[in-house]
Amino acid sequence: MTSDGTALTAAYGFRLKGEFYAKHDGMLRWLKSGEKFKADAGAKHQLIYLMEGKGSIQLENKDHEVSKGMGIYLGPSETATISAAAGATVKLFHLVVPQIPR
Protein backbone atom coordinates (compact mmCIF):
# COMPACT_ATOMS: atom_id res chain seq x y z
CA MET A 1 0.00 0.00 0.00
CA THR A 2 1.29 3.49 -0.82
CA SER A 3 1.28 6.44 1.58
CA ASP A 4 -1.91 7.88 0.01
CA GLY A 5 -3.82 4.65 0.70
CA THR A 6 -3.75 3.33 -2.87
CA ALA A 7 -3.04 -0.37 -2.87
CA LEU A 8 -4.11 -1.68 -6.25
CA THR A 9 -4.48 -0.02 -9.65
CA ALA A 10 -5.76 -1.47 -12.91
CA ALA A 11 -5.81 0.52 -16.15
CA TYR A 12 -7.96 -0.19 -19.20
CA GLY A 13 -9.08 1.34 -22.47
CA PHE A 14 -12.07 0.60 -24.63
CA ARG A 15 -13.12 0.59 -28.26
CA LEU A 16 -16.27 2.15 -29.62
CA LYS A 17 -17.04 1.90 -33.34
CA GLY A 18 -13.43 0.95 -33.99
CA GLU A 19 -11.93 3.89 -32.07
CA PHE A 20 -9.87 3.43 -28.94
CA TYR A 21 -10.74 5.73 -26.05
CA ALA A 22 -8.70 6.82 -23.05
CA LYS A 23 -8.01 4.41 -20.26
CA HIS A 24 -9.79 4.41 -16.95
CA ASP A 25 -8.31 3.53 -13.59
CA GLY A 26 -9.83 1.50 -10.79
CA MET A 27 -8.21 1.80 -7.37
CA LEU A 28 -8.79 0.24 -4.00
CA ARG A 29 -8.23 2.66 -1.13
CA TRP A 30 -8.16 1.98 2.60
CA LEU A 31 -8.81 4.72 5.15
CA LYS A 32 -8.07 4.25 8.84
CA SER A 33 -10.12 5.83 11.60
CA GLY A 34 -10.11 9.62 11.15
CA GLU A 35 -8.36 9.56 7.75
CA LYS A 36 -9.79 11.39 4.73
CA PHE A 37 -9.63 11.05 0.96
CA LYS A 38 -10.52 13.99 -1.30
CA ALA A 39 -11.72 13.25 -4.83
CA ASP A 40 -10.83 16.42 -6.73
CA ALA A 41 -12.70 17.86 -9.71
CA GLY A 42 -11.15 17.65 -13.16
CA ALA A 43 -11.75 16.50 -16.72
CA LYS A 44 -12.97 13.11 -15.47
CA HIS A 45 -15.94 11.15 -14.15
CA GLN A 46 -15.57 9.33 -10.82
CA LEU A 47 -17.42 6.55 -9.05
CA ILE A 48 -16.62 5.86 -5.39
CA TYR A 49 -18.13 2.74 -3.82
CA LEU A 50 -17.84 1.85 -0.13
CA MET A 51 -16.92 -1.85 0.02
CA GLU A 52 -16.40 -2.09 3.81
CA GLY A 53 -16.77 0.06 6.90
CA LYS A 54 -18.60 3.23 7.91
CA GLY A 55 -17.85 6.89 7.44
CA SER A 56 -19.09 10.09 5.87
CA ILE A 57 -19.00 11.79 2.49
CA GLN A 58 -18.90 15.56 2.34
CA LEU A 59 -20.72 17.03 -0.69
CA GLU A 60 -21.36 20.74 -1.15
CA ASN A 61 -20.28 21.37 2.48
CA LYS A 62 -22.80 18.85 3.88
CA ASP A 63 -21.80 15.57 5.57
CA HIS A 64 -23.72 12.39 4.71
CA GLU A 65 -23.26 9.17 6.69
CA VAL A 66 -22.35 6.19 4.51
CA SER A 67 -21.86 2.47 5.06
CA LYS A 68 -21.05 -0.69 3.12
CA GLY A 69 -22.80 -0.88 -0.25
CA MET A 70 -23.26 2.86 -0.74
CA GLY A 71 -21.56 4.91 -3.43
CA ILE A 72 -21.45 8.19 -5.26
CA TYR A 73 -20.97 9.41 -8.83
CA LEU A 74 -19.00 12.64 -9.37
CA GLY A 75 -19.15 14.55 -12.64
CA PRO A 76 -16.17 16.57 -13.98
CA SER A 77 -16.87 19.66 -11.85
CA GLU A 78 -17.78 17.85 -8.61
CA THR A 79 -15.67 17.06 -5.55
CA ALA A 80 -16.21 14.96 -2.44
CA THR A 81 -14.29 14.16 0.72
CA ILE A 82 -14.67 10.71 2.26
CA SER A 83 -13.80 10.18 5.93
CA ALA A 84 -13.59 6.96 7.95
CA ALA A 85 -15.73 7.01 11.10
CA ALA A 86 -14.08 7.01 14.52
CA GLY A 87 -12.90 3.47 15.28
CA ALA A 88 -13.69 2.27 11.73
CA THR A 89 -11.66 1.30 8.68
CA VAL A 90 -13.08 2.04 5.23
CA LYS A 91 -12.35 0.17 2.01
CA LEU A 92 -13.22 2.14 -1.14
CA PHE A 93 -13.30 1.24 -4.82
CA HIS A 94 -12.52 4.41 -6.79
CA LEU A 95 -13.10 4.38 -10.56
CA VAL A 96 -11.81 7.32 -12.63
CA VAL A 97 -12.77 7.71 -16.31
CA PRO A 98 -11.43 10.65 -18.36
CA GLN A 99 -14.04 12.89 -19.96
CA ILE A 100 -14.67 11.66 -23.52
CA PRO A 101 -14.35 14.40 -26.15
CA ARG A 102 -17.44 14.92 -28.30
PDB file of N, CA and C in Angstrom:
ATOM      1  N   MET A   1       0.845  -1.170   0.000  1.00  0.00           N
ATOM      2  CA  MET A   1       0.000   0.000   0.000  1.00  0.00           C
ATOM      3  C   MET A   1       0.891   1.235   0.000  1.00  0.00           C
ATOM      4  N   THR A   2       0.513   2.260  -0.770  1.00  0.00           N
ATOM      5  CA  THR A   2       1.287   3.491  -0.816  1.00  0.00           C
ATOM      6  C   THR A   2       0.847   4.429   0.298  1.00  0.00           C
ATOM      7  N   SER A   3       1.586   5.517   0.489  1.00  0.00           N
ATOM      8  CA  SER A   3       1.283   6.444   1.577  1.00  0.00           C
ATOM      9  C   SER A   3      -0.066   7.131   1.422  1.00  0.00           C
ATOM     10  N   ASP A   4      -0.603   7.243   0.187  1.00  0.00           N
ATOM     11  CA  ASP A   4      -1.907   7.884   0.010  1.00  0.00           C
ATOM     12  C   ASP A   4      -3.062   6.889   0.124  1.00  0.00           C
ATOM     13  N   GLY A   5      -2.770   5.648   0.492  1.00  0.00           N
ATOM     14  CA  GLY A   5      -3.815   4.649   0.696  1.00  0.00           C
ATOM     15  C   GLY A   5      -4.130   3.824  -0.535  1.00  0.00           C
ATOM     16  N   THR A   6      -3.498   4.101  -1.658  1.00  0.00           N
ATOM     17  CA  THR A   6      -3.754   3.334  -2.867  1.00  0.00           C
ATOM     18  C   THR A   6      -2.994   2.016  -2.789  1.00  0.00           C
ATOM     19  N   ALA A   7      -3.703   0.915  -2.975  1.00  0.00           N
ATOM     20  CA  ALA A   7      -3.043  -0.372  -2.866  1.00  0.00           C
ATOM     21  C   ALA A   7      -3.036  -1.142  -4.175  1.00  0.00           C
ATOM     22  N   LEU A   8      -3.994  -0.889  -5.034  1.00  0.00           N
ATOM     23  CA  LEU A   8      -4.108  -1.675  -6.254  1.00  0.00           C
ATOM     24  C   LEU A   8      -4.638  -0.778  -7.349  1.00  0.00           C
ATOM     25  N   THR A   9      -4.014  -0.810  -8.524  1.00  0.00           N
ATOM     26  CA  THR A   9      -4.478  -0.018  -9.647  1.00  0.00           C
ATOM     27  C   THR A   9      -4.540  -0.897 -10.885  1.00  0.00           C
ATOM     28  N   ALA A  10      -5.624  -0.777 -11.639  1.00  0.00           N
ATOM     29  CA  ALA A  10      -5.762  -1.473 -12.906  1.00  0.00           C
ATOM     30  C   ALA A  10      -6.160  -0.447 -13.955  1.00  0.00           C
ATOM     31  N   ALA A  11      -5.510  -0.454 -15.100  1.00  0.00           N
ATOM     32  CA  ALA A  11      -5.814   0.524 -16.148  1.00  0.00           C
ATOM     33  C   ALA A  11      -6.332  -0.196 -17.387  1.00  0.00           C
ATOM     34  N   TYR A  12      -7.330   0.401 -18.029  1.00  0.00           N
ATOM     35  CA  TYR A  12      -7.962  -0.190 -19.197  1.00  0.00           C
ATOM     36  C   TYR A  12      -8.277   0.885 -20.225  1.00  0.00           C
ATOM     37  N   GLY A  13      -8.547   0.470 -21.428  1.00  0.00           N
ATOM     38  CA  GLY A  13      -9.075   1.345 -22.466  1.00  0.00           C
ATOM     39  C   GLY A  13     -10.251   0.617 -23.083  1.00  0.00           C
ATOM     40  N   PHE A  14     -10.962   1.272 -23.985  1.00  0.00           N
ATOM     41  CA  PHE A  14     -12.073   0.596 -24.630  1.00  0.00           C
ATOM     42  C   PHE A  14     -12.221   1.076 -26.057  1.00  0.00           C
ATOM     43  N   ARG A  15     -12.881   0.254 -26.865  1.00  0.00           N
ATOM     44  CA  ARG A  15     -13.124   0.593 -28.257  1.00  0.00           C
ATOM     45  C   ARG A  15     -14.608   0.826 -28.461  1.00  0.00           C
ATOM     46  N   LEU A  16     -14.901   1.851 -29.271  1.00  0.00           N
ATOM     47  CA  LEU A  16     -16.275   2.155 -29.622  1.00  0.00           C
ATOM     48  C   LEU A  16     -16.273   2.499 -31.099  1.00  0.00           C
ATOM     49  N   LYS A  17     -16.998   1.701 -31.888  1.00  0.00           N
ATOM     50  CA  LYS A  17     -17.045   1.903 -33.339  1.00  0.00           C
ATOM     51  C   LYS A  17     -15.633   1.959 -33.926  1.00  0.00           C
ATOM     52  N   GLY A  18     -14.772   1.070 -33.456  1.00  0.00           N
ATOM     53  CA  GLY A  18     -13.427   0.954 -33.995  1.00  0.00           C
ATOM     54  C   GLY A  18     -12.424   1.969 -33.472  1.00  0.00           C
ATOM     55  N   GLU A  19     -12.857   2.907 -32.621  1.00  0.00           N
ATOM     56  CA  GLU A  19     -11.927   3.891 -32.074  1.00  0.00           C
ATOM     57  C   GLU A  19     -11.583   3.542 -30.640  1.00  0.00           C
ATOM     58  N   PHE A  20     -10.319   3.723 -30.294  1.00  0.00           N
ATOM     59  CA  PHE A  20      -9.868   3.427 -28.942  1.00  0.00           C
ATOM     60  C   PHE A  20      -9.956   4.690 -28.106  1.00  0.00           C
ATOM     61  N   TYR A  21     -10.581   4.591 -26.938  1.00  0.00           N
ATOM     62  CA  TYR A  21     -10.737   5.732 -26.050  1.00  0.00           C
ATOM     63  C   TYR A  21      -9.819   5.606 -24.848  1.00  0.00           C
ATOM     64  N   ALA A  22      -9.626   6.726 -24.184  1.00  0.00           N
ATOM     65  CA  ALA A  22      -8.703   6.820 -23.050  1.00  0.00           C
ATOM     66  C   ALA A  22      -8.969   5.763 -21.996  1.00  0.00           C
ATOM     67  N   LYS A  23      -7.914   5.416 -21.318  1.00  0.00           N
ATOM     68  CA  LYS A  23      -8.011   4.415 -20.262  1.00  0.00           C
ATOM     69  C   LYS A  23      -8.805   4.951 -19.074  1.00  0.00           C
ATOM     70  N   HIS A  24      -9.208   4.025 -18.232  1.00  0.00           N
ATOM     71  CA  HIS A  24      -9.790   4.408 -16.948  1.00  0.00           C
ATOM     72  C   HIS A  24      -9.062   3.613 -15.877  1.00  0.00           C
ATOM     73  N   ASP A  25      -9.047   4.153 -14.689  1.00  0.00           N
ATOM     74  CA  ASP A  25      -8.310   3.535 -13.591  1.00  0.00           C
ATOM     75  C   ASP A  25      -9.267   3.152 -12.475  1.00  0.00           C
ATOM     76  N   GLY A  26      -9.098   1.950 -11.960  1.00  0.00           N
ATOM     77  CA  GLY A  26      -9.825   1.502 -10.787  1.00  0.00           C
ATOM     78  C   GLY A  26      -8.832   1.295  -9.657  1.00  0.00           C
ATOM     79  N   MET A  27      -9.122   1.887  -8.497  1.00  0.00           N
ATOM     80  CA  MET A  27      -8.212   1.801  -7.365  1.00  0.00           C
ATOM     81  C   MET A  27      -8.948   1.339  -6.123  1.00  0.00           C
ATOM     82  N   LEU A  28      -8.283   0.556  -5.321  1.00  0.00           N
ATOM     83  CA  LEU A  28      -8.785   0.240  -3.996  1.00  0.00           C
ATOM     84  C   LEU A  28      -8.058   1.148  -3.023  1.00  0.00           C
ATOM     85  N   ARG A  29      -8.820   1.763  -2.118  1.00  0.00           N
ATOM     86  CA  ARG A  29      -8.233   2.665  -1.126  1.00  0.00           C
ATOM     87  C   ARG A  29      -8.720   2.245   0.248  1.00  0.00           C
ATOM     88  N   TRP A  30      -7.810   2.266   1.212  1.00  0.00           N
ATOM     89  CA  TRP A  30      -8.156   1.978   2.600  1.00  0.00           C
ATOM     90  C   TRP A  30      -7.941   3.236   3.414  1.00  0.00           C
ATOM     91  N   LEU A  31      -8.930   3.585   4.234  1.00  0.00           N
ATOM     92  CA  LEU A  31      -8.807   4.723   5.153  1.00  0.00           C
ATOM     93  C   LEU A  31      -8.923   4.197   6.573  1.00  0.00           C
ATOM     94  N   LYS A  32      -8.005   4.596   7.418  1.00  0.00           N
ATOM     95  CA  LYS A  32      -8.073   4.246   8.839  1.00  0.00           C
ATOM     96  C   LYS A  32      -8.938   5.273   9.562  1.00  0.00           C
ATOM     97  N   SER A  33      -9.307   4.947  10.772  1.00  0.00           N
ATOM     98  CA  SER A  33     -10.125   5.834  11.598  1.00  0.00           C
ATOM     99  C   SER A  33      -9.606   7.268  11.561  1.00  0.00           C
ATOM    100  N   GLY A  34     -10.477   8.209  11.191  1.00  0.00           N
ATOM    101  CA  GLY A  34     -10.105   9.617  11.152  1.00  0.00           C
ATOM    102  C   GLY A  34      -9.426  10.084   9.881  1.00  0.00           C
ATOM    103  N   GLU A  35      -9.013   9.160   8.996  1.00  0.00           N
ATOM    104  CA  GLU A  35      -8.363   9.561   7.752  1.00  0.00           C
ATOM    105  C   GLU A  35      -9.393  10.019   6.732  1.00  0.00           C
ATOM    106  N   LYS A  36      -8.919  10.853   5.770  1.00  0.00           N
ATOM    107  CA  LYS A  36      -9.793  11.393   4.731  1.00  0.00           C
ATOM    108  C   LYS A  36      -9.176  11.186   3.355  1.00  0.00           C
ATOM    109  N   PHE A  37     -10.053  11.087   2.358  1.00  0.00           N
ATOM    110  CA  PHE A  37      -9.629  11.052   0.960  1.00  0.00           C
ATOM    111  C   PHE A  37     -10.468  12.073   0.208  1.00  0.00           C
ATOM    112  N   LYS A  38      -9.805  12.987  -0.519  1.00  0.00           N
ATOM    113  CA  LYS A  38     -10.523  13.991  -1.305  1.00  0.00           C
ATOM    114  C   LYS A  38     -10.455  13.633  -2.776  1.00  0.00           C
ATOM    115  N   ALA A  39     -11.622  13.482  -3.390  1.00  0.00           N
ATOM    116  CA  ALA A  39     -11.725  13.253  -4.830  1.00  0.00           C
ATOM    117  C   ALA A  39     -11.879  14.629  -5.477  1.00  0.00           C
ATOM    118  N   ASP A  40     -10.837  15.088  -6.141  1.00  0.00           N
ATOM    119  CA  ASP A  40     -10.831  16.421  -6.734  1.00  0.00           C
ATOM    120  C   ASP A  40     -11.563  16.460  -8.070  1.00  0.00           C
ATOM    121  N   ALA A  41     -12.064  17.634  -8.412  1.00  0.00           N
ATOM    122  CA  ALA A  41     -12.703  17.859  -9.708  1.00  0.00           C
ATOM    123  C   ALA A  41     -11.642  17.865 -10.799  1.00  0.00           C
ATOM    124  N   GLY A  42     -12.056  17.626 -12.020  1.00  0.00           N
ATOM    125  CA  GLY A  42     -11.147  17.649 -13.160  1.00  0.00           C
ATOM    126  C   GLY A  42     -11.879  17.171 -14.390  1.00  0.00           C
ATOM    127  N   ALA A  43     -11.167  16.975 -15.470  1.00  0.00           N
ATOM    128  CA  ALA A  43     -11.751  16.501 -16.721  1.00  0.00           C
ATOM    129  C   ALA A  43     -11.925  14.982 -16.648  1.00  0.00           C
ATOM    130  N   LYS A  44     -12.792  14.537 -15.705  1.00  0.00           N
ATOM    131  CA  LYS A  44     -12.970  13.106 -15.473  1.00  0.00           C
ATOM    132  C   LYS A  44     -14.316  12.859 -14.788  1.00  0.00           C
ATOM    133  N   HIS A  45     -14.771  11.629 -14.885  1.00  0.00           N
ATOM    134  CA  HIS A  45     -15.944  11.150 -14.148  1.00  0.00           C
ATOM    135  C   HIS A  45     -15.408  10.200 -13.085  1.00  0.00           C
ATOM    136  N   GLN A  46     -16.043  10.184 -11.900  1.00  0.00           N
ATOM    137  CA  GLN A  46     -15.572   9.328 -10.820  1.00  0.00           C
ATOM    138  C   GLN A  46     -16.740   8.581 -10.182  1.00  0.00           C
ATOM    139  N   LEU A  47     -16.479   7.346  -9.813  1.00  0.00           N
ATOM    140  CA  LEU A  47     -17.421   6.546  -9.048  1.00  0.00           C
ATOM    141  C   LEU A  47     -16.669   6.052  -7.816  1.00  0.00           C
ATOM    142  N   ILE A  48     -17.234   6.307  -6.638  1.00  0.00           N
ATOM    143  CA  ILE A  48     -16.622   5.865  -5.388  1.00  0.00           C
ATOM    144  C   ILE A  48     -17.635   4.977  -4.681  1.00  0.00           C
ATOM    145  N   TYR A  49     -17.245   3.737  -4.421  1.00  0.00           N
ATOM    146  CA  TYR A  49     -18.125   2.738  -3.825  1.00  0.00           C
ATOM    147  C   TYR A  49     -17.519   2.258  -2.511  1.00  0.00           C
ATOM    148  N   LEU A  50     -18.300   2.280  -1.444  1.00  0.00           N
ATOM    149  CA  LEU A  50     -17.839   1.853  -0.127  1.00  0.00           C
ATOM    150  C   LEU A  50     -18.002   0.331  -0.005  1.00  0.00           C
ATOM    151  N   MET A  51     -16.893  -0.387  -0.021  1.00  0.00           N
ATOM    152  CA  MET A  51     -16.917  -1.851   0.024  1.00  0.00           C
ATOM    153  C   MET A  51     -17.006  -2.385   1.448  1.00  0.00           C
ATOM    154  N   GLU A  52     -16.409  -1.678   2.401  1.00  0.00           N
ATOM    155  CA  GLU A  52     -16.402  -2.095   3.807  1.00  0.00           C
ATOM    156  C   GLU A  52     -16.338  -0.868   4.694  1.00  0.00           C
ATOM    157  N   GLY A  53     -16.919  -0.980   5.882  1.00  0.00           N
ATOM    158  CA  GLY A  53     -16.774   0.055   6.899  1.00  0.00           C
ATOM    159  C   GLY A  53     -17.896   1.084   6.934  1.00  0.00           C
ATOM    160  N   LYS A  54     -17.661   2.127   7.745  1.00  0.00           N
ATOM    161  CA  LYS A  54     -18.601   3.234   7.907  1.00  0.00           C
ATOM    162  C   LYS A  54     -17.824   4.536   7.912  1.00  0.00           C
ATOM    163  N   GLY A  55     -18.493   5.590   7.448  1.00  0.00           N
ATOM    164  CA  GLY A  55     -17.846   6.890   7.443  1.00  0.00           C
ATOM    165  C   GLY A  55     -18.810   7.954   6.997  1.00  0.00           C
ATOM    166  N   SER A  56     -18.249   9.005   6.388  1.00  0.00           N
ATOM    167  CA  SER A  56     -19.088  10.089   5.874  1.00  0.00           C
ATOM    168  C   SER A  56     -18.498  10.598   4.560  1.00  0.00           C
ATOM    169  N   ILE A  57     -19.393  11.144   3.737  1.00  0.00           N
ATOM    170  CA  ILE A  57     -18.997  11.794   2.494  1.00  0.00           C
ATOM    171  C   ILE A  57     -19.474  13.234   2.580  1.00  0.00           C
ATOM    172  N   GLN A  58     -18.545  14.153   2.333  1.00  0.00           N
ATOM    173  CA  GLN A  58     -18.904  15.565   2.338  1.00  0.00           C
ATOM    174  C   GLN A  58     -19.112  16.023   0.893  1.00  0.00           C
ATOM    175  N   LEU A  59     -20.347  16.495   0.623  1.00  0.00           N
ATOM    176  CA  LEU A  59     -20.720  17.035  -0.688  1.00  0.00           C
ATOM    177  C   LEU A  59     -21.312  18.418  -0.480  1.00  0.00           C
ATOM    178  N   GLU A  60     -20.829  19.373  -1.235  1.00  0.00           N
ATOM    179  CA  GLU A  60     -21.358  20.740  -1.149  1.00  0.00           C
ATOM    180  C   GLU A  60     -21.457  21.212   0.305  1.00  0.00           C
ATOM    181  N   ASN A  61     -20.399  20.959   1.074  1.00  0.00           N
ATOM    182  CA  ASN A  61     -20.281  21.373   2.482  1.00  0.00           C
ATOM    183  C   ASN A  61     -21.300  20.728   3.409  1.00  0.00           C
ATOM    184  N   LYS A  62     -21.875  19.596   3.019  1.00  0.00           N
ATOM    185  CA  LYS A  62     -22.795  18.850   3.878  1.00  0.00           C
ATOM    186  C   LYS A  62     -22.262  17.437   4.045  1.00  0.00           C
ATOM    187  N   ASP A  63     -22.258  16.932   5.285  1.00  0.00           N
ATOM    188  CA  ASP A  63     -21.802  15.567   5.567  1.00  0.00           C
ATOM    189  C   ASP A  63     -22.979  14.600   5.488  1.00  0.00           C
ATOM    190  N   HIS A  64     -22.723  13.448   4.849  1.00  0.00           N
ATOM    191  CA  HIS A  64     -23.722  12.392   4.710  1.00  0.00           C
ATOM    192  C   HIS A  64     -23.109  11.096   5.230  1.00  0.00           C
ATOM    193  N   GLU A  65     -23.762  10.440   6.174  1.00  0.00           N
ATOM    194  CA  GLU A  65     -23.258   9.170   6.686  1.00  0.00           C
ATOM    195  C   GLU A  65     -23.385   8.104   5.605  1.00  0.00           C
ATOM    196  N   VAL A  66     -22.357   7.265   5.504  1.00  0.00           N
ATOM    197  CA  VAL A  66     -22.349   6.191   4.510  1.00  0.00           C
ATOM    198  C   VAL A  66     -21.873   4.898   5.162  1.00  0.00           C
ATOM    199  N   SER A  67     -22.286   3.782   4.575  1.00  0.00           N
ATOM    200  CA  SER A  67     -21.863   2.472   5.059  1.00  0.00           C
ATOM    201  C   SER A  67     -21.716   1.535   3.864  1.00  0.00           C
ATOM    202  N   LYS A  68     -21.291   0.330   4.138  1.00  0.00           N
ATOM    203  CA  LYS A  68     -21.046  -0.687   3.116  1.00  0.00           C
ATOM    204  C   LYS A  68     -22.185  -0.742   2.105  1.00  0.00           C
ATOM    205  N   GLY A  69     -21.819  -0.763   0.822  1.00  0.00           N
ATOM    206  CA  GLY A  69     -22.796  -0.883  -0.249  1.00  0.00           C
ATOM    207  C   GLY A  69     -23.267   0.447  -0.827  1.00  0.00           C
ATOM    208  N   MET A  70     -22.852   1.551  -0.236  1.00  0.00           N
ATOM    209  CA  MET A  70     -23.255   2.865  -0.739  1.00  0.00           C
ATOM    210  C   MET A  70     -22.151   3.421  -1.638  1.00  0.00           C
ATOM    211  N   GLY A  71     -22.535   4.318  -2.536  1.00  0.00           N
ATOM    212  CA  GLY A  71     -21.556   4.905  -3.427  1.00  0.00           C
ATOM    213  C   GLY A  71     -22.015   6.245  -3.939  1.00  0.00           C
ATOM    214  N   ILE A  72     -21.149   6.870  -4.720  1.00  0.00           N
ATOM    215  CA  ILE A  72     -21.452   8.190  -5.262  1.00  0.00           C
ATOM    216  C   ILE A  72     -20.796   8.340  -6.627  1.00  0.00           C
ATOM    217  N   TYR A  73     -21.505   9.034  -7.524  1.00  0.00           N
ATOM    218  CA  TYR A  73     -20.970   9.410  -8.834  1.00  0.00           C
ATOM    219  C   TYR A  73     -20.608  10.895  -8.777  1.00  0.00           C
ATOM    220  N   LEU A  74     -19.431  11.247  -9.295  1.00  0.00           N
ATOM    221  CA  LEU A  74     -18.998  12.639  -9.368  1.00  0.00           C
ATOM    222  C   LEU A  74     -18.727  13.000 -10.823  1.00  0.00           C
ATOM    223  N   GLY A  75     -19.401  14.041 -11.307  1.00  0.00           N
ATOM    224  CA  GLY A  75     -19.145  14.550 -12.645  1.00  0.00           C
ATOM    225  C   GLY A  75     -17.869  15.372 -12.659  1.00  0.00           C
ATOM    226  N   PRO A  76     -17.452  15.852 -13.844  1.00  0.00           N
ATOM    227  CA  PRO A  76     -16.175  16.566 -13.979  1.00  0.00           C
ATOM    228  C   PRO A  76     -15.993  17.773 -13.066  1.00  0.00           C
ATOM    229  N   SER A  77     -17.038  18.454 -12.672  1.00  0.00           N
ATOM    230  CA  SER A  77     -16.869  19.659 -11.847  1.00  0.00           C
ATOM    231  C   SER A  77     -17.167  19.410 -10.369  1.00  0.00           C
ATOM    232  N   GLU A  78     -17.373  18.159  -9.982  1.00  0.00           N
ATOM    233  CA  GLU A  78     -17.779  17.848  -8.613  1.00  0.00           C
ATOM    234  C   GLU A  78     -16.631  17.280  -7.783  1.00  0.00           C
ATOM    235  N   THR A  79     -16.658  17.595  -6.488  1.00  0.00           N
ATOM    236  CA  THR A  79     -15.673  17.065  -5.549  1.00  0.00           C
ATOM    237  C   THR A  79     -16.397  16.430  -4.365  1.00  0.00           C
ATOM    238  N   ALA A  80     -15.690  15.574  -3.657  1.00  0.00           N
ATOM    239  CA  ALA A  80     -16.214  14.961  -2.441  1.00  0.00           C
ATOM    240  C   ALA A  80     -15.038  14.609  -1.546  1.00  0.00           C
ATOM    241  N   THR A  81     -15.295  14.603  -0.238  1.00  0.00           N
ATOM    242  CA  THR A  81     -14.293  14.165   0.725  1.00  0.00           C
ATOM    243  C   THR A  81     -14.887  13.033   1.534  1.00  0.00           C
ATOM    244  N   ILE A  82     -14.211  11.896   1.540  1.00  0.00           N
ATOM    245  CA  ILE A  82     -14.670  10.710   2.258  1.00  0.00           C
ATOM    246  C   ILE A  82     -13.824  10.570   3.507  1.00  0.00           C
ATOM    247  N   SER A  83     -14.481  10.341   4.647  1.00  0.00           N
ATOM    248  CA  SER A  83     -13.798  10.177   5.930  1.00  0.00           C
ATOM    249  C   SER A  83     -14.220   8.873   6.573  1.00  0.00           C
ATOM    250  N   ALA A  84     -13.271   8.162   7.168  1.00  0.00           N
ATOM    251  CA  ALA A  84     -13.594   6.964   7.949  1.00  0.00           C
ATOM    252  C   ALA A  84     -14.143   7.409   9.305  1.00  0.00           C
ATOM    253  N   ALA A  85     -15.151   6.702   9.795  1.00  0.00           N
ATOM    254  CA  ALA A  85     -15.733   7.012  11.103  1.00  0.00           C
ATOM    255  C   ALA A  85     -14.735   6.678  12.212  1.00  0.00           C
ATOM    256  N   ALA A  86     -14.925   7.287  13.366  1.00  0.00           N
ATOM    257  CA  ALA A  86     -14.081   7.006  14.522  1.00  0.00           C
ATOM    258  C   ALA A  86     -14.134   5.516  14.837  1.00  0.00           C
ATOM    259  N   GLY A  87     -12.987   4.884  14.966  1.00  0.00           N
ATOM    260  CA  GLY A  87     -12.902   3.471  15.279  1.00  0.00           C
ATOM    261  C   GLY A  87     -13.172   2.541  14.108  1.00  0.00           C
ATOM    262  N   ALA A  88     -13.367   3.093  12.902  1.00  0.00           N
ATOM    263  CA  ALA A  88     -13.688   2.269  11.729  1.00  0.00           C
ATOM    264  C   ALA A  88     -12.571   2.338  10.693  1.00  0.00           C
ATOM    265  N   THR A  89     -12.511   1.318   9.855  1.00  0.00           N
ATOM    266  CA  THR A  89     -11.656   1.300   8.679  1.00  0.00           C
ATOM    267  C   THR A  89     -12.574   1.227   7.473  1.00  0.00           C
ATOM    268  N   VAL A  90     -12.258   1.988   6.431  1.00  0.00           N
ATOM    269  CA  VAL A  90     -13.084   2.038   5.231  1.00  0.00           C
ATOM    270  C   VAL A  90     -12.287   1.498   4.059  1.00  0.00           C
ATOM    271  N   LYS A  91     -12.932   0.663   3.254  1.00  0.00           N
ATOM    272  CA  LYS A  91     -12.348   0.167   2.012  1.00  0.00           C
ATOM    273  C   LYS A  91     -13.187   0.729   0.874  1.00  0.00           C
ATOM    274  N   LEU A  92     -12.536   1.486  -0.030  1.00  0.00           N
ATOM    275  CA  LEU A  92     -13.220   2.137  -1.141  1.00  0.00           C
ATOM    276  C   LEU A  92     -12.744   1.569  -2.468  1.00  0.00           C
ATOM    277  N   PHE A  93     -13.665   1.471  -3.433  1.00  0.00           N
ATOM    278  CA  PHE A  93     -13.298   1.241  -4.825  1.00  0.00           C
ATOM    279  C   PHE A  93     -13.518   2.574  -5.520  1.00  0.00           C
ATOM    280  N   HIS A  94     -12.476   3.104  -6.154  1.00  0.00           N
ATOM    281  CA  HIS A  94     -12.516   4.415  -6.791  1.00  0.00           C
ATOM    282  C   HIS A  94     -12.222   4.240  -8.272  1.00  0.00           C
ATOM    283  N   LEU A  95     -13.234   4.501  -9.110  1.00  0.00           N
ATOM    284  CA  LEU A  95     -13.101   4.383 -10.557  1.00  0.00           C
ATOM    285  C   LEU A  95     -13.021   5.783 -11.141  1.00  0.00           C
ATOM    286  N   VAL A  96     -12.004   6.024 -11.983  1.00  0.00           N
ATOM    287  CA  VAL A  96     -11.810   7.319 -12.635  1.00  0.00           C
ATOM    288  C   VAL A  96     -11.793   7.089 -14.141  1.00  0.00           C
ATOM    289  N   VAL A  97     -12.677   7.810 -14.854  1.00  0.00           N
ATOM    290  CA  VAL A  97     -12.774   7.711 -16.307  1.00  0.00           C
ATOM    291  C   VAL A  97     -12.596   9.121 -16.883  1.00  0.00           C
ATOM    292  N   PRO A  98     -11.606   9.328 -17.761  1.00  0.00           N
ATOM    293  CA  PRO A  98     -11.430  10.652 -18.360  1.00  0.00           C
ATOM    294  C   PRO A  98     -12.670  11.071 -19.141  1.00  0.00           C
ATOM    295  N   GLN A  99     -12.926  12.372 -19.198  1.00  0.00           N
ATOM    296  CA  GLN A  99     -14.041  12.888 -19.959  1.00  0.00           C
ATOM    297  C   GLN A  99     -13.803  12.580 -21.433  1.00  0.00           C
ATOM    298  N   ILE A 100     -14.803  12.040 -22.117  1.00  0.00           N
ATOM    299  CA  ILE A 100     -14.670  11.656 -23.517  1.00  0.00           C
ATOM    300  C   ILE A 100     -14.995  12.871 -24.389  1.00  0.00           C
ATOM    301  N   PRO A 101     -14.065  13.256 -25.278  1.00  0.00           N
ATOM    302  CA  PRO A 101     -14.353  14.403 -26.151  1.00  0.00           C
ATOM    303  C   PRO A 101     -15.505  14.095 -27.087  1.00  0.00           C
ATOM    304  N   ARG A 102     -16.278  15.117 -27.412  1.00  0.00           N
ATOM    305  CA  ARG A 102     -17.438  14.921 -28.303  1.00  0.00           C
ATOM    306  C   ARG A 102     -17.102  15.273 -29.709  1.00  0.00           C
TER     307      ARG A 102
END
